[in-house]
């Protein structure tokens, strides 16, 4: 059994070592975080420290007979954002790319067919992962045959955003994320059936100049790679995205949608006259209301 996520989050915020669980430290944790009895029992178990750094400690586990979402399932749901035929505000598309990258960092390292394919990091380790630390880890990120659920593609897409912002501007990022994702080919360069192959070159290698690769993004899409999100935000995003993945359904393909019947409607002369008469009545009511209001308003500036 690993250490409780609440304890790991608290240690990340306060700067304490999760392995140091003496009586004073646990008492401080209890005062500030108000943990449940189950969390306190887990902290005091003799074998708790033996698994202080389990694979993917933040990733949801199976509970109450319900399986945890796989990484591929979660990434595919994020790729479906904005592909339902409705106009999606571009900051939502931007967050979807960042959150897909975050999911890869936190997901288990087991094979993609077993629900993994990620790096298995803790929340704190994911936030602390700088470009220099990510570079040697990219070969450990697995690929999937489906581009929508491919971990390597998710990382490649987000690094494209990071590099584009560093080299150009936020307007360039907006243009990129508003472009419909190509889910027929792999952004990472993987070719199903050919083997591992070579990874595609990064289109914007300037992502390596960023201080953090997990920036906070506001409602207008503004962000910078010098201000990382908080540990609490990571926890909330992980819970939201994995829950959405359990209930999300892929949008119908364009060829699966029923075509709309053509509109064949012609107005008669009488119907046109009726519409105009109703419009005249509305205009007359508005004029009467304006006339009544004008008598209530001051006539001259000195009356104010």
Protein backbone atom coordinates (compact mmCIF):
# COMPACT_ATOMS: atom_id res chain seq x y z
CA UNK A 1 0.00 0.00 0.00
CA UNK A 2 1.44 3.40 -0.96
CA UNK A 3 1.36 6.64 0.93
CA UNK A 4 -1.98 8.53 0.81
CA UNK A 5 -2.29 11.14 -1.93
CA UNK A 6 -3.43 13.76 0.62
CA UNK A 7 -0.15 13.26 2.51
CA UNK A 8 1.89 13.49 -0.70
CA UNK A 9 0.08 16.68 -1.73
CA UNK A 10 0.61 18.23 1.70
CA UNK A 11 4.31 17.37 1.63
CA UNK A 12 4.64 18.87 -1.84
CA UNK A 13 3.07 22.14 -0.66
CA UNK A 14 4.97 22.37 2.64
CA UNK A 15 8.30 21.09 1.31
CA UNK A 16 8.51 18.12 3.71
CA UNK A 17 9.97 14.74 2.86
CA UNK A 18 7.08 12.22 2.50
CA UNK A 19 9.24 9.49 4.07
CA UNK A 20 9.63 11.45 7.32
CA UNK A 21 6.49 10.54 9.26
CA UNK A 22 7.45 11.19 12.87
CA UNK A 23 4.86 12.09 15.51
CA UNK A 24 5.37 15.87 15.28
CA UNK A 25 5.17 15.87 11.48
CA UNK A 26 1.96 13.80 11.45
CA UNK A 27 0.46 16.07 14.14
CA UNK A 28 1.20 19.13 12.00
CA UNK A 29 -0.33 17.39 8.99
CA UNK A 30 -3.44 16.55 11.03
CA UNK A 31 -3.92 20.15 12.14
CA UNK A 32 -3.55 21.60 8.67
CA UNK A 33 -5.07 18.98 6.35
CA UNK A 34 -7.72 17.35 8.61
CA UNK A 35 -7.17 13.83 7.21
CA UNK A 36 -9.56 10.95 7.72
CA UNK A 37 -8.79 8.08 10.08
CA UNK A 38 -8.05 5.85 7.10
CA UNK A 39 -5.35 8.27 5.93
CA UNK A 40 -3.78 8.41 9.39
CA UNK A 41 -3.81 4.60 9.64
CA UNK A 42 -2.08 4.36 6.27
CA UNK A 43 0.64 6.75 7.46
CA UNK A 44 1.37 4.73 10.59
CA UNK A 45 1.45 1.30 8.95
CA UNK A 46 4.91 -0.29 9.16
CA UNK A 47 5.08 -1.08 5.44
CA UNK A 48 3.93 2.35 4.28
CA UNK A 49 7.47 3.54 3.68
CA UNK A 50 8.35 0.48 1.63
CA UNK A 51 6.21 1.82 -1.19
CA UNK A 52 6.86 5.50 -0.79
CA UNK A 53 7.33 5.91 -4.53
CA UNK A 54 4.96 3.47 -6.25
CA UNK A 55 4.33 3.48 -9.95
CA UNK A 56 1.83 6.26 -10.75
CA UNK A 57 0.88 7.13 -7.14
CA UNK A 58 -1.55 9.82 -8.30
CA UNK A 59 -3.41 7.77 -10.92
CA UNK A 60 -6.88 6.52 -9.88
CA UNK A 61 -7.16 2.89 -8.80
CA UNK A 62 -9.96 0.39 -9.27
CA UNK A 63 -12.61 0.97 -6.60
CA UNK A 64 -15.95 -0.62 -5.69
CA UNK A 65 -15.74 -2.96 -8.66
CA UNK A 66 -15.34 -0.04 -11.09
CA UNK A 67 -12.19 -0.14 -13.21
CA UNK A 68 -9.98 2.92 -13.32
CA UNK A 69 -9.81 4.65 -16.71
CA UNK A 70 -6.88 3.75 -18.90
CA UNK A 71 -4.47 6.35 -20.20
CA UNK A 72 -5.55 5.67 -23.79
CA UNK A 73 -9.19 6.15 -22.83
CA UNK A 74 -8.40 9.48 -21.17
CA UNK A 75 -6.29 10.77 -24.06
CA UNK A 76 -8.94 9.84 -26.62
CA UNK A 77 -11.60 11.72 -24.65
CA UNK A 78 -9.36 14.81 -24.64
CA UNK A 79 -8.87 14.53 -28.41
CA UNK A 80 -12.66 14.59 -28.83
CA UNK A 81 -12.87 18.05 -27.26
CA UNK A 82 -14.07 20.39 -29.99
CA UNK A 83 -14.82 17.61 -32.48
CA UNK A 84 -18.57 17.37 -31.86
CA UNK A 85 -19.47 19.89 -34.54
CA UNK A 86 -19.96 22.69 -32.01
CA UNK A 87 -17.73 25.74 -31.73
CA UNK A 88 -15.42 25.34 -28.73
CA UNK A 89 -13.75 28.34 -27.10
CA UNK A 90 -10.05 28.01 -27.92
CA UNK A 91 -8.77 28.06 -24.29
CA UNK A 92 -10.64 24.78 -23.76
CA UNK A 93 -8.72 23.26 -26.67
CA UNK A 94 -5.48 24.63 -25.23
CA UNK A 95 -6.17 23.10 -21.81
CA UNK A 96 -7.05 19.80 -23.43
CA UNK A 97 -3.56 19.59 -24.96
CA UNK A 98 -1.86 20.55 -21.70
CA UNK A 99 -3.98 18.12 -19.69
CA UNK A 100 -3.22 15.29 -22.12
CA UNK A 101 0.48 15.90 -21.51
CA UNK A 102 -0.16 15.88 -17.75
CA UNK A 103 -2.04 12.57 -18.00
CA UNK A 104 0.98 10.98 -19.69
CA UNK A 105 3.26 12.15 -16.88
CA UNK A 106 0.98 10.70 -14.18
CA UNK A 107 -0.24 7.50 -15.85
CA UNK A 108 1.20 4.04 -15.03
CA UNK A 109 4.25 2.74 -16.86
CA UNK A 110 2.66 -0.61 -17.73
CA UNK A 111 2.06 -1.37 -21.43
CA UNK A 112 -0.57 0.66 -23.27
CA UNK A 113 -2.64 -2.49 -23.79
CA UNK A 114 -2.86 -2.80 -20.00
CA UNK A 115 -4.04 0.80 -19.56
CA UNK A 116 -0.67 2.49 -19.13
CA UNK A 117 2.04 3.93 -21.32
CA UNK A 118 2.97 6.94 -19.19
CA UNK A 119 5.83 7.89 -16.89
CA UNK A 120 4.18 7.06 -13.54
CA UNK A 121 5.25 10.28 -11.81
CA UNK A 122 3.80 11.75 -8.64
CA UNK A 123 2.08 15.13 -8.72
CA UNK A 124 5.10 16.90 -7.29
CA UNK A 125 7.52 15.19 -9.67
CA UNK A 126 5.32 16.10 -12.64
CA UNK A 127 5.29 19.76 -11.63
CA UNK A 128 9.04 19.77 -11.07
CA UNK A 129 9.81 18.10 -14.41
CA UNK A 130 11.71 20.69 -16.44
CA UNK A 131 12.58 20.34 -20.14
CA UNK A 132 16.06 19.10 -19.27
CA UNK A 133 14.50 16.33 -17.17
CA UNK A 134 11.91 15.39 -19.78
CA UNK A 135 14.40 14.99 -22.60
CA UNK A 136 15.91 11.68 -21.39
CA UNK A 137 12.47 10.34 -20.40
CA UNK A 138 10.80 10.70 -23.79
CA UNK A 139 12.07 7.33 -24.99
CA UNK A 140 10.14 5.72 -22.13
CA UNK A 141 6.83 7.19 -23.29
CA UNK A 142 5.00 4.49 -25.19
CA UNK A 143 3.06 4.61 -28.45
CA UNK A 144 -0.37 3.25 -29.36
CA UNK A 145 -1.70 2.30 -32.77
CA UNK A 146 -4.57 4.78 -32.46
CA UNK A 147 -3.25 8.37 -32.76
CA UNK A 148 -6.03 9.65 -30.48
CA UNK A 149 -4.92 7.42 -27.60
CA UNK A 150 -1.17 7.54 -28.28
CA UNK A 151 0.86 8.87 -25.30
CA UNK A 152 3.79 9.92 -27.47
CA UNK A 153 1.46 11.92 -29.73
CA UNK A 154 -0.06 13.71 -26.73
CA UNK A 155 3.41 14.81 -25.57
CA UNK A 156 4.42 15.82 -29.10
CA UNK A 157 1.31 18.02 -29.50
CA UNK A 158 1.87 19.85 -26.24
CA UNK A 159 5.56 20.42 -26.88
CA UNK A 160 4.55 21.89 -30.23
CA UNK A 161 2.43 24.42 -28.33
CA UNK A 162 5.23 25.17 -25.86
CA UNK A 163 7.79 25.66 -28.60
CA UNK A 164 5.47 27.78 -30.72
CA UNK A 165 4.75 30.11 -27.79
CA UNK A 166 8.45 30.43 -26.95
CA UNK A 167 9.44 31.15 -30.54
CA UNK A 168 6.48 33.20 -31.72
CA UNK A 169 3.41 34.41 -29.82
CA UNK A 170 0.11 33.53 -28.16
CA UNK A 171 -1.66 34.36 -31.42
CA UNK A 172 0.32 31.58 -33.12
CA UNK A 173 -0.72 29.18 -30.37
CA UNK A 174 -4.35 30.16 -30.82
CA UNK A 175 -4.15 29.49 -34.54
CA UNK A 176 -2.57 26.09 -33.89
CA UNK A 177 -5.09 24.83 -31.32
CA UNK A 178 -8.01 26.05 -33.43
CA UNK A 179 -6.80 23.76 -36.23
CA UNK A 180 -8.70 20.48 -36.23
CA UNK A 181 -6.52 17.62 -34.98
CA UNK A 182 -5.48 15.08 -37.59
CA UNK A 183 -6.31 11.79 -35.89
CA UNK A 184 -5.55 9.68 -38.96
CA UNK A 185 -1.77 10.00 -38.65
CA UNK A 186 0.63 10.00 -35.72
CA UNK A 187 2.05 13.36 -34.69
CA UNK A 188 4.90 11.47 -33.01
CA UNK A 189 5.90 9.76 -36.27
CA UNK A 190 4.86 6.25 -35.21
CA UNK A 191 3.78 3.95 -38.05
CA UNK A 192 1.54 1.09 -36.83
CA UNK A 193 2.76 -2.30 -37.94
CA UNK A 194 6.30 -1.08 -38.60
CA UNK A 195 7.61 -1.26 -35.05
CA UNK A 196 8.93 1.44 -32.78
CA UNK A 197 10.59 3.37 -35.58
CA UNK A 198 12.03 6.85 -35.24
CA UNK A 199 10.38 9.68 -33.35
CA UNK A 200 9.31 12.66 -35.42
CA UNK A 201 11.36 15.80 -34.93
CA UNK A 202 9.80 18.50 -32.80
CA UNK A 203 8.36 21.21 -35.08
CA UNK A 204 9.27 23.89 -32.52
CA UNK A 205 12.30 22.78 -30.45
CA UNK A 206 12.25 26.02 -28.45
CA UNK A 207 10.06 24.22 -25.87
CA UNK A 208 13.35 23.36 -24.17
CA UNK A 209 13.72 27.00 -23.08
CA UNK A 210 10.61 26.90 -20.86
CA UNK A 211 11.00 26.90 -17.09
CA UNK A 212 7.94 24.68 -16.56
CA UNK A 213 5.87 22.62 -18.96
CA UNK A 214 2.70 22.69 -16.84
CA UNK A 215 1.62 26.33 -16.82
CA UNK A 216 -1.60 27.67 -15.36
CA UNK A 217 -4.02 28.83 -18.10
CA UNK A 218 -6.68 31.43 -17.36
CA UNK A 219 -10.16 31.68 -18.85
CA UNK A 220 -8.92 33.81 -21.73
CA UNK A 221 -6.13 31.43 -22.71
CA UNK A 222 -3.34 33.57 -21.28
CA UNK A 223 -0.41 31.66 -19.78
CA UNK A 224 3.35 31.66 -19.53
CA UNK A 225 5.91 28.95 -19.02
CA UNK A 226 7.35 30.65 -15.94
CA UNK A 227 4.28 30.19 -13.73
CA UNK A 228 3.37 26.54 -13.04
CA UNK A 229 -0.03 25.39 -11.89
CA UNK A 230 -0.54 24.35 -8.28
CA UNK A 231 -0.56 20.83 -6.85
CA UNK A 232 -4.24 21.28 -6.04
CA UNK A 233 -4.92 22.13 -9.69
CA UNK A 234 -3.15 18.94 -10.78
CA UNK A 235 -5.35 16.91 -8.43
CA UNK A 236 -8.53 18.56 -9.72
CA UNK A 237 -7.57 18.17 -13.39
CA UNK A 238 -6.67 14.51 -12.93
CA UNK A 239 -10.00 13.77 -11.25
CA UNK A 240 -11.95 15.70 -13.88
CA UNK A 241 -10.28 14.25 -16.95
CA UNK A 242 -10.29 10.63 -15.79
CA UNK A 243 -13.95 10.89 -14.77
CA UNK A 244 -14.87 12.42 -18.12
CA UNK A 245 -13.08 9.56 -19.86
CA UNK A 246 -15.30 6.98 -18.16
CA UNK A 247 -18.47 8.54 -19.54
CA UNK A 248 -17.34 10.23 -22.74
CA UNK A 249 -18.51 8.88 -26.06
CA UNK A 250 -16.71 9.60 -29.32
CA UNK A 251 -18.53 12.03 -31.61
CA UNK A 252 -20.17 10.51 -34.65
CA UNK A 253 -17.98 10.51 -37.71
CA UNK A 254 -18.98 12.89 -40.46
CA UNK A 255 -20.11 10.02 -42.68
CA UNK A 256 -22.21 8.55 -39.82
CA UNK A 257 -24.28 11.67 -39.29
CA UNK A 258 -27.66 11.86 -40.95
CA UNK A 259 -27.72 14.65 -43.50
CA UNK A 260 -30.14 17.46 -42.82
CA UNK A 261 -33.12 17.58 -45.12
CA UNK A 262 -32.99 20.54 -47.53
CA UNK A 263 -35.26 23.43 -46.62
CA UNK A 264 -37.88 24.02 -49.26
CA UNK A 265 -40.07 26.82 -47.86
CA UNK A 266 -41.81 29.56 -49.78
CA UNK A 267 -43.84 32.36 -48.23
CA UNK A 268 -47.07 33.50 -49.87
CA UNK A 269 -47.83 37.18 -50.38
CA UNK A 270 -50.38 37.08 -47.55
CA UNK A 271 -47.80 35.58 -45.14
CA UNK A 272 -45.27 38.26 -46.06
CA UNK A 273 -47.83 41.04 -45.43
CA UNK A 274 -48.71 39.46 -42.07
CA UNK A 275 -45.04 39.47 -40.98
CA UNK A 276 -44.65 43.13 -41.97
CA UNK A 277 -47.84 44.09 -40.12
CA UNK A 278 -46.57 42.41 -36.95
CA UNK A 279 -43.25 44.21 -37.33
CA UNK A 280 -45.08 47.55 -37.63
CA UNK A 281 -47.00 46.79 -34.42
CA UNK A 282 -43.76 46.05 -32.58
CA UNK A 283 -42.20 49.30 -33.82
CA UNK A 284 -45.27 51.24 -32.69
CA UNK A 285 -45.07 49.75 -29.19
CA UNK A 286 -41.35 50.59 -28.95
CA UNK A 287 -42.01 54.20 -30.02
CA UNK A 288 -44.72 54.54 -27.38
CA UNK A 289 -42.38 53.21 -24.70
CA UNK A 290 -39.63 55.62 -25.74
CA UNK A 291 -42.07 58.55 -25.68
CA UNK A 292 -43.17 57.63 -22.15
CA UNK A 293 -39.56 57.30 -21.00
CA UNK A 294 -38.53 60.63 -22.49
CA UNK A 295 -40.91 62.45 -20.14
CA UNK A 296 -39.14 60.94 -17.14
CA UNK A 297 -35.64 62.04 -18.18
CA UNK A 298 -34.15 65.49 -17.37
CA UNK A 299 -34.36 67.94 -20.27
CA UNK A 300 -31.18 69.89 -19.60
CA UNK A 301 -27.78 69.15 -18.14
CA UNK A 302 -28.40 71.61 -15.29
CA UNK A 303 -31.35 69.49 -14.17
CA UNK A 304 -28.97 66.61 -13.35
